[in-house]
């Protein structure tokens, strides 16, 4: 998937503040390309 700025920001906050591994996985997967 291509992440828009808002979704990207939510995922980044979820990983930084909650250590949400699902959010990290989604962020990494989106930018692996």
ModelCIF file with pLDDT and N, C-alpha, C, O atoms, coordinates in Angstrom:
data_MODEL
#
_entry.id   MODEL 
#
_entity.id                         1 
_entity.type                       polymer 
_entity.pdbx_number_of_molecules   1 
#
_entity_poly.entity_id                      1 
_entity_poly.type                           'polypeptide(L)' 
_entity_poly.nstd_linkage                   no 
_entity_poly.nstd_monomer                   no 
_entity_poly.pdbx_seq_one_letter_code       
;(UNK)(UNK)(UNK)(UNK)(UNK)(UNK)(UNK)(UNK)(UNK)(UNK)(UNK)(UNK)(UNK)(UNK)(UNK)(UNK)
(UNK)(UNK)(UNK)(UNK)(UNK)(UNK)(UNK)(UNK)(UNK)(UNK)(UNK)(UNK)(UNK)(UNK)(UNK)(UNK)
(UNK)
;
_entity_poly.pdbx_seq_one_letter_code_can   XXXXXXXXXXXXXXXXXXXXXXXXXXXXXXXXX 
_entity_poly.pdbx_strand_id                 A 
#
loop_
_entity_poly_seq.entity_id 
_entity_poly_seq.num 
_entity_poly_seq.mon_id 
_entity_poly_seq.hetero 
1 1  UNK n 
1 2  UNK n 
1 3  UNK n 
1 4  UNK n 
1 5  UNK n 
1 6  UNK n 
1 7  UNK n 
1 8  UNK n 
1 9  UNK n 
1 10 UNK n 
1 11 UNK n 
1 12 UNK n 
1 13 UNK n 
1 14 UNK n 
1 15 UNK n 
1 16 UNK n 
1 17 UNK n 
1 18 UNK n 
1 19 UNK n 
1 20 UNK n 
1 21 UNK n 
1 22 UNK n 
1 23 UNK n 
1 24 UNK n 
1 25 UNK n 
1 26 UNK n 
1 27 UNK n 
1 28 UNK n 
1 29 UNK n 
1 30 UNK n 
1 31 UNK n 
1 32 UNK n 
1 33 UNK n 
#
_struct_asym.id          A 
_struct_asym.entity_id   1 
#
loop_
_ma_qa_metric.id 
_ma_qa_metric.mode 
_ma_qa_metric.name 
_ma_qa_metric.software_group_id 
_ma_qa_metric.type 
1 global pLDDT . pLDDT 
2 local  pLDDT . pLDDT 
#
_ma_qa_metric_global.metric_id      1 
_ma_qa_metric_global.metric_value   90.70 
_ma_qa_metric_global.model_id       1 
_ma_qa_metric_global.ordinal_id     1 
#
loop_
_ma_qa_metric_local.label_asym_id 
_ma_qa_metric_local.label_comp_id 
_ma_qa_metric_local.label_seq_id 
_ma_qa_metric_local.metric_id 
_ma_qa_metric_local.metric_value 
_ma_qa_metric_local.model_id 
_ma_qa_metric_local.ordinal_id 
A UNK 1  2 84.00 1 1  
A UNK 2  2 86.00 1 2  
A UNK 3  2 88.00 1 3  
A UNK 4  2 89.00 1 4  
A UNK 5  2 88.00 1 5  
A UNK 6  2 91.00 1 6  
A UNK 7  2 92.00 1 7  
A UNK 8  2 91.00 1 8  
A UNK 9  2 92.00 1 9  
A UNK 10 2 93.00 1 10 
A UNK 11 2 93.00 1 11 
A UNK 12 2 92.00 1 12 
A UNK 13 2 93.00 1 13 
A UNK 14 2 93.00 1 14 
A UNK 15 2 92.00 1 15 
A UNK 16 2 91.00 1 16 
A UNK 17 2 91.00 1 17 
A UNK 18 2 91.00 1 18 
A UNK 19 2 90.00 1 19 
A UNK 20 2 91.00 1 20 
A UNK 21 2 91.00 1 21 
A UNK 22 2 92.00 1 22 
A UNK 23 2 92.00 1 23 
A UNK 24 2 91.00 1 24 
A UNK 25 2 91.00 1 25 
A UNK 26 2 92.00 1 26 
A UNK 27 2 92.00 1 27 
A UNK 28 2 91.00 1 28 
A UNK 29 2 90.00 1 29 
A UNK 30 2 90.00 1 30 
A UNK 31 2 91.00 1 31 
A UNK 32 2 90.00 1 32 
A UNK 33 2 89.00 1 33 
#
loop_
_atom_site.group_PDB 
_atom_site.id 
_atom_site.type_symbol 
_atom_site.label_atom_id 
_atom_site.label_alt_id 
_atom_site.label_comp_id 
_atom_site.label_asym_id 
_atom_site.label_entity_id 
_atom_site.label_seq_id 
_atom_site.pdbx_PDB_ins_code 
_atom_site.Cartn_x 
_atom_site.Cartn_y 
_atom_site.Cartn_z 
_atom_site.occupancy 
_atom_site.B_iso_or_equiv 
_atom_site.pdbx_formal_charge 
_atom_site.auth_seq_id 
_atom_site.auth_comp_id 
_atom_site.auth_asym_id 
_atom_site.auth_atom_id 
_atom_site.pdbx_PDB_model_num 
ATOM 1   N N  . UNK A 1 1  ? 0.820  -1.213 0.000  1.00 84.00 ? 1  UNK A N  1 
ATOM 2   C CA . UNK A 1 1  ? 0.000  0.000  0.000  1.00 84.00 ? 1  UNK A CA 1 
ATOM 3   C C  . UNK A 1 1  ? 0.853  1.262  0.000  1.00 84.00 ? 1  UNK A C  1 
ATOM 4   O O  . UNK A 1 1  ? 1.984  1.268  0.484  1.00 84.00 ? 1  UNK A O  1 
ATOM 5   N N  . UNK A 1 2  ? 0.283  2.329  -0.554 1.00 86.00 ? 2  UNK A N  1 
ATOM 6   C CA . UNK A 1 2  ? 0.905  3.650  -0.495 1.00 86.00 ? 2  UNK A CA 1 
ATOM 7   C C  . UNK A 1 2  ? 0.254  4.408  0.660  1.00 86.00 ? 2  UNK A C  1 
ATOM 8   O O  . UNK A 1 2  ? -0.969 4.546  0.709  1.00 86.00 ? 2  UNK A O  1 
ATOM 9   N N  . UNK A 1 3  ? 1.067  4.892  1.576  1.00 88.00 ? 3  UNK A N  1 
ATOM 10  C CA . UNK A 1 3  ? 0.534  5.569  2.760  1.00 88.00 ? 3  UNK A CA 1 
ATOM 11  C C  . UNK A 1 3  ? 0.399  7.068  2.511  1.00 88.00 ? 3  UNK A C  1 
ATOM 12  O O  . UNK A 1 3  ? 1.319  7.710  2.004  1.00 88.00 ? 3  UNK A O  1 
ATOM 13  N N  . UNK A 1 4  ? -0.763 7.618  2.876  1.00 89.00 ? 4  UNK A N  1 
ATOM 14  C CA . UNK A 1 4  ? -0.883 9.073  2.845  1.00 89.00 ? 4  UNK A CA 1 
ATOM 15  C C  . UNK A 1 4  ? -0.248 9.634  4.116  1.00 89.00 ? 4  UNK A C  1 
ATOM 16  O O  . UNK A 1 4  ? 0.063  8.887  5.044  1.00 89.00 ? 4  UNK A O  1 
ATOM 17  N N  . UNK A 1 5  ? -0.058 10.954 4.152  1.00 88.00 ? 5  UNK A N  1 
ATOM 18  C CA . UNK A 1 5  ? 0.662  11.585 5.258  1.00 88.00 ? 5  UNK A CA 1 
ATOM 19  C C  . UNK A 1 5  ? -0.022 11.340 6.607  1.00 88.00 ? 5  UNK A C  1 
ATOM 20  O O  . UNK A 1 5  ? 0.648  11.125 7.618  1.00 88.00 ? 5  UNK A O  1 
ATOM 21  N N  . UNK A 1 6  ? -1.360 11.373 6.615  1.00 91.00 ? 6  UNK A N  1 
ATOM 22  C CA . UNK A 1 6  ? -2.086 11.206 7.871  1.00 91.00 ? 6  UNK A CA 1 
ATOM 23  C C  . UNK A 1 6  ? -1.930 9.796  8.422  1.00 91.00 ? 6  UNK A C  1 
ATOM 24  O O  . UNK A 1 6  ? -1.692 9.613  9.616  1.00 91.00 ? 6  UNK A O  1 
ATOM 25  N N  . UNK A 1 7  ? -2.066 8.798  7.549  1.00 92.00 ? 7  UNK A N  1 
ATOM 26  C CA . UNK A 1 7  ? -1.928 7.405  7.980  1.00 92.00 ? 7  UNK A CA 1 
ATOM 27  C C  . UNK A 1 7  ? -0.508 7.130  8.460  1.00 92.00 ? 7  UNK A C  1 
ATOM 28  O O  . UNK A 1 7  ? -0.298 6.467  9.475  1.00 92.00 ? 7  UNK A O  1 
ATOM 29  N N  . UNK A 1 8  ? 0.457  7.647  7.716  1.00 91.00 ? 8  UNK A N  1 
ATOM 30  C CA . UNK A 1 8  ? 1.862  7.474  8.080  1.00 91.00 ? 8  UNK A CA 1 
ATOM 31  C C  . UNK A 1 8  ? 2.130  8.038  9.474  1.00 91.00 ? 8  UNK A C  1 
ATOM 32  O O  . UNK A 1 8  ? 2.836  7.426  10.275 1.00 91.00 ? 8  UNK A O  1 
ATOM 33  N N  . UNK A 1 9  ? 1.563  9.203  9.752  1.00 92.00 ? 9  UNK A N  1 
ATOM 34  C CA . UNK A 1 9  ? 1.762  9.850  11.046 1.00 92.00 ? 9  UNK A CA 1 
ATOM 35  C C  . UNK A 1 9  ? 1.154  9.023  12.170 1.00 92.00 ? 9  UNK A C  1 
ATOM 36  O O  . UNK A 1 9  ? 1.766  8.869  13.227 1.00 92.00 ? 9  UNK A O  1 
ATOM 37  N N  . UNK A 1 10 ? -0.051 8.487  11.950 1.00 93.00 ? 10 UNK A N  1 
ATOM 38  C CA . UNK A 1 10 ? -0.697 7.667  12.964 1.00 93.00 ? 10 UNK A CA 1 
ATOM 39  C C  . UNK A 1 10 ? 0.125  6.414  13.274 1.00 93.00 ? 10 UNK A C  1 
ATOM 40  O O  . UNK A 1 10 ? 0.273  6.026  14.433 1.00 93.00 ? 10 UNK A O  1 
ATOM 41  N N  . UNK A 1 11 ? 0.654  5.792  12.222 1.00 93.00 ? 11 UNK A N  1 
ATOM 42  C CA . UNK A 1 11 ? 1.466  4.591  12.423 1.00 93.00 ? 11 UNK A CA 1 
ATOM 43  C C  . UNK A 1 11 ? 2.752  4.918  13.183 1.00 93.00 ? 11 UNK A C  1 
ATOM 44  O O  . UNK A 1 11 ? 3.178  4.159  14.053 1.00 93.00 ? 11 UNK A O  1 
ATOM 45  N N  . UNK A 1 12 ? 3.361  6.049  12.846 1.00 92.00 ? 12 UNK A N  1 
ATOM 46  C CA . UNK A 1 12 ? 4.600  6.446  13.511 1.00 92.00 ? 12 UNK A CA 1 
ATOM 47  C C  . UNK A 1 12 ? 4.358  6.714  14.993 1.00 92.00 ? 12 UNK A C  1 
ATOM 48  O O  . UNK A 1 12 ? 5.158  6.312  15.837 1.00 92.00 ? 12 UNK A O  1 
ATOM 49  N N  . UNK A 1 13 ? 3.256  7.393  15.308 1.00 93.00 ? 13 UNK A N  1 
ATOM 50  C CA . UNK A 1 13 ? 2.923  7.648  16.716 1.00 93.00 ? 13 UNK A CA 1 
ATOM 51  C C  . UNK A 1 13 ? 2.635  6.333  17.449 1.00 93.00 ? 13 UNK A C  1 
ATOM 52  O O  . UNK A 1 13 ? 3.051  6.143  18.592 1.00 93.00 ? 13 UNK A O  1 
ATOM 53  N N  . UNK A 1 14 ? 1.919  5.433  16.772 1.00 93.00 ? 14 UNK A N  1 
ATOM 54  C CA . UNK A 1 14 ? 1.569  4.158  17.409 1.00 93.00 ? 14 UNK A CA 1 
ATOM 55  C C  . UNK A 1 14 ? 2.816  3.354  17.754 1.00 93.00 ? 14 UNK A C  1 
ATOM 56  O O  . UNK A 1 14 ? 2.873  2.703  18.797 1.00 93.00 ? 14 UNK A O  1 
ATOM 57  N N  . UNK A 1 15 ? 3.817  3.401  16.870 1.00 92.00 ? 15 UNK A N  1 
ATOM 58  C CA . UNK A 1 15 ? 5.049  2.667  17.150 1.00 92.00 ? 15 UNK A CA 1 
ATOM 59  C C  . UNK A 1 15 ? 5.874  3.375  18.225 1.00 92.00 ? 15 UNK A C  1 
ATOM 60  O O  . UNK A 1 15 ? 6.373  2.727  19.145 1.00 92.00 ? 15 UNK A O  1 
ATOM 61  N N  . UNK A 1 16 ? 6.022  4.694  18.117 1.00 91.00 ? 16 UNK A N  1 
ATOM 62  C CA . UNK A 1 16 ? 6.855  5.414  19.074 1.00 91.00 ? 16 UNK A CA 1 
ATOM 63  C C  . UNK A 1 16 ? 6.273  5.387  20.488 1.00 91.00 ? 16 UNK A C  1 
ATOM 64  O O  . UNK A 1 16 ? 6.999  5.183  21.461 1.00 91.00 ? 16 UNK A O  1 
ATOM 65  N N  . UNK A 1 17 ? 4.973  5.591  20.593 1.00 91.00 ? 17 UNK A N  1 
ATOM 66  C CA . UNK A 1 17 ? 4.356  5.754  21.913 1.00 91.00 ? 17 UNK A CA 1 
ATOM 67  C C  . UNK A 1 17 ? 3.832  4.444  22.499 1.00 91.00 ? 17 UNK A C  1 
ATOM 68  O O  . UNK A 1 17 ? 3.858  4.242  23.713 1.00 91.00 ? 17 UNK A O  1 
ATOM 69  N N  . UNK A 1 18 ? 3.355  3.554  21.618 1.00 91.00 ? 18 UNK A N  1 
ATOM 70  C CA . UNK A 1 18 ? 2.727  2.317  22.110 1.00 91.00 ? 18 UNK A CA 1 
ATOM 71  C C  . UNK A 1 18 ? 3.570  1.079  21.830 1.00 91.00 ? 18 UNK A C  1 
ATOM 72  O O  . UNK A 1 18 ? 3.252  -0.013 22.302 1.00 91.00 ? 18 UNK A O  1 
ATOM 73  N N  . UNK A 1 19 ? 4.653  1.249  21.054 1.00 90.00 ? 19 UNK A N  1 
ATOM 74  C CA . UNK A 1 19 ? 5.452  0.100  20.582 1.00 90.00 ? 19 UNK A CA 1 
ATOM 75  C C  . UNK A 1 19 ? 4.539  -0.923 19.919 1.00 90.00 ? 19 UNK A C  1 
ATOM 76  O O  . UNK A 1 19 ? 4.658  -2.127 20.149 1.00 90.00 ? 19 UNK A O  1 
ATOM 77  N N  . UNK A 1 20 ? 3.630  -0.422 19.096 1.00 91.00 ? 20 UNK A N  1 
ATOM 78  C CA . UNK A 1 20 ? 2.669  -1.249 18.377 1.00 91.00 ? 20 UNK A CA 1 
ATOM 79  C C  . UNK A 1 20 ? 3.382  -1.912 17.198 1.00 91.00 ? 20 UNK A C  1 
ATOM 80  O O  . UNK A 1 20 ? 3.666  -1.258 16.194 1.00 91.00 ? 20 UNK A O  1 
ATOM 81  N N  . UNK A 1 21 ? 3.669  -3.203 17.321 1.00 91.00 ? 21 UNK A N  1 
ATOM 82  C CA . UNK A 1 21 ? 4.425  -3.897 16.288 1.00 91.00 ? 21 UNK A CA 1 
ATOM 83  C C  . UNK A 1 21 ? 3.652  -4.009 14.979 1.00 91.00 ? 21 UNK A C  1 
ATOM 84  O O  . UNK A 1 21 ? 4.260  -4.051 13.909 1.00 91.00 ? 21 UNK A O  1 
ATOM 85  N N  . UNK A 1 22 ? 2.328  -4.058 15.045 1.00 92.00 ? 22 UNK A N  1 
ATOM 86  C CA . UNK A 1 22 ? 1.525  -4.108 13.822 1.00 92.00 ? 22 UNK A CA 1 
ATOM 87  C C  . UNK A 1 22 ? 1.686  -2.809 13.039 1.00 92.00 ? 22 UNK A C  1 
ATOM 88  O O  . UNK A 1 22 ? 1.753  -2.823 11.810 1.00 92.00 ? 22 UNK A O  1 
ATOM 89  N N  . UNK A 1 23 ? 1.749  -1.684 13.755 1.00 92.00 ? 23 UNK A N  1 
ATOM 90  C CA . UNK A 1 23 ? 1.951  -0.395 13.095 1.00 92.00 ? 23 UNK A CA 1 
ATOM 91  C C  . UNK A 1 23 ? 3.340  -0.329 12.468 1.00 92.00 ? 23 UNK A C  1 
ATOM 92  O O  . UNK A 1 23 ? 3.497  0.181  11.359 1.00 92.00 ? 23 UNK A O  1 
ATOM 93  N N  . UNK A 1 24 ? 4.352  -0.844 13.174 1.00 91.00 ? 24 UNK A N  1 
ATOM 94  C CA . UNK A 1 24 ? 5.708  -0.868 12.641 1.00 91.00 ? 24 UNK A CA 1 
ATOM 95  C C  . UNK A 1 24 ? 5.765  -1.734 11.382 1.00 91.00 ? 24 UNK A C  1 
ATOM 96  O O  . UNK A 1 24 ? 6.364  -1.343 10.380 1.00 91.00 ? 24 UNK A O  1 
ATOM 97  N N  . UNK A 1 25 ? 5.148  -2.896 11.439 1.00 91.00 ? 25 UNK A N  1 
ATOM 98  C CA . UNK A 1 25 ? 5.140  -3.814 10.295 1.00 91.00 ? 25 UNK A CA 1 
ATOM 99  C C  . UNK A 1 25 ? 4.497  -3.155 9.074  1.00 91.00 ? 25 UNK A C  1 
ATOM 100 O O  . UNK A 1 25 ? 4.996  -3.287 7.956  1.00 91.00 ? 25 UNK A O  1 
ATOM 101 N N  . UNK A 1 26 ? 3.408  -2.456 9.291  1.00 92.00 ? 26 UNK A N  1 
ATOM 102 C CA . UNK A 1 26 ? 2.725  -1.794 8.181  1.00 92.00 ? 26 UNK A CA 1 
ATOM 103 C C  . UNK A 1 26 ? 3.575  -0.666 7.604  1.00 92.00 ? 26 UNK A C  1 
ATOM 104 O O  . UNK A 1 26 ? 3.622  -0.482 6.387  1.00 92.00 ? 26 UNK A O  1 
ATOM 105 N N  . UNK A 1 27 ? 4.245  0.088  8.472  1.00 92.00 ? 27 UNK A N  1 
ATOM 106 C CA . UNK A 1 27 ? 5.098  1.190  8.024  1.00 92.00 ? 27 UNK A CA 1 
ATOM 107 C C  . UNK A 1 27 ? 6.293  0.660  7.227  1.00 92.00 ? 27 UNK A C  1 
ATOM 108 O O  . UNK A 1 27 ? 6.621  1.188  6.165  1.00 92.00 ? 27 UNK A O  1 
ATOM 109 N N  . UNK A 1 28 ? 6.936  -0.380 7.745  1.00 91.00 ? 28 UNK A N  1 
ATOM 110 C CA . UNK A 1 28 ? 8.096  -0.970 7.063  1.00 91.00 ? 28 UNK A CA 1 
ATOM 111 C C  . UNK A 1 28 ? 7.693  -1.560 5.716  1.00 91.00 ? 28 UNK A C  1 
ATOM 112 O O  . UNK A 1 28 ? 8.379  -1.364 4.712  1.00 91.00 ? 28 UNK A O  1 
ATOM 113 N N  . UNK A 1 29 ? 6.579  -2.282 5.704  1.00 90.00 ? 29 UNK A N  1 
ATOM 114 C CA . UNK A 1 29 ? 6.118  -2.923 4.475  1.00 90.00 ? 29 UNK A CA 1 
ATOM 115 C C  . UNK A 1 29 ? 5.817  -1.897 3.392  1.00 90.00 ? 29 UNK A C  1 
ATOM 116 O O  . UNK A 1 29 ? 6.139  -2.105 2.222  1.00 90.00 ? 29 UNK A O  1 
ATOM 117 N N  . UNK A 1 30 ? 5.201  -0.793 3.784  1.00 90.00 ? 30 UNK A N  1 
ATOM 118 C CA . UNK A 1 30 ? 4.823  0.230  2.807  1.00 90.00 ? 30 UNK A CA 1 
ATOM 119 C C  . UNK A 1 30 ? 6.043  0.861  2.148  1.00 90.00 ? 30 UNK A C  1 
ATOM 120 O O  . UNK A 1 30 ? 5.987  1.245  0.979  1.00 90.00 ? 30 UNK A O  1 
ATOM 121 N N  . UNK A 1 31 ? 7.147  0.971  2.889  1.00 91.00 ? 31 UNK A N  1 
ATOM 122 C CA . UNK A 1 31 ? 8.318  1.660  2.339  1.00 91.00 ? 31 UNK A CA 1 
ATOM 123 C C  . UNK A 1 31 ? 9.453  0.719  1.963  1.00 91.00 ? 31 UNK A C  1 
ATOM 124 O O  . UNK A 1 31 ? 10.566 1.165  1.685  1.00 91.00 ? 31 UNK A O  1 
ATOM 125 N N  . UNK A 1 32 ? 9.172  -0.600 1.953  1.00 90.00 ? 32 UNK A N  1 
ATOM 126 C CA . UNK A 1 32 ? 10.202 -1.536 1.529  1.00 90.00 ? 32 UNK A CA 1 
ATOM 127 C C  . UNK A 1 32 ? 10.528 -1.350 0.057  1.00 90.00 ? 32 UNK A C  1 
ATOM 128 O O  . UNK A 1 32 ? 11.652 -1.619 -0.368 1.00 90.00 ? 32 UNK A O  1 
ATOM 129 N N  . UNK A 1 33 ? 9.559  -0.894 -0.724 1.00 89.00 ? 33 UNK A N  1 
ATOM 130 C CA . UNK A 1 33 ? 9.826  -0.637 -2.142 1.00 89.00 ? 33 UNK A CA 1 
ATOM 131 C C  . UNK A 1 33 ? 10.903 0.435  -2.300 1.00 89.00 ? 33 UNK A C  1 
ATOM 132 O O  . UNK A 1 33 ? 11.263 0.788  -3.423 1.00 89.00 ? 33 UNK A O  1 
#
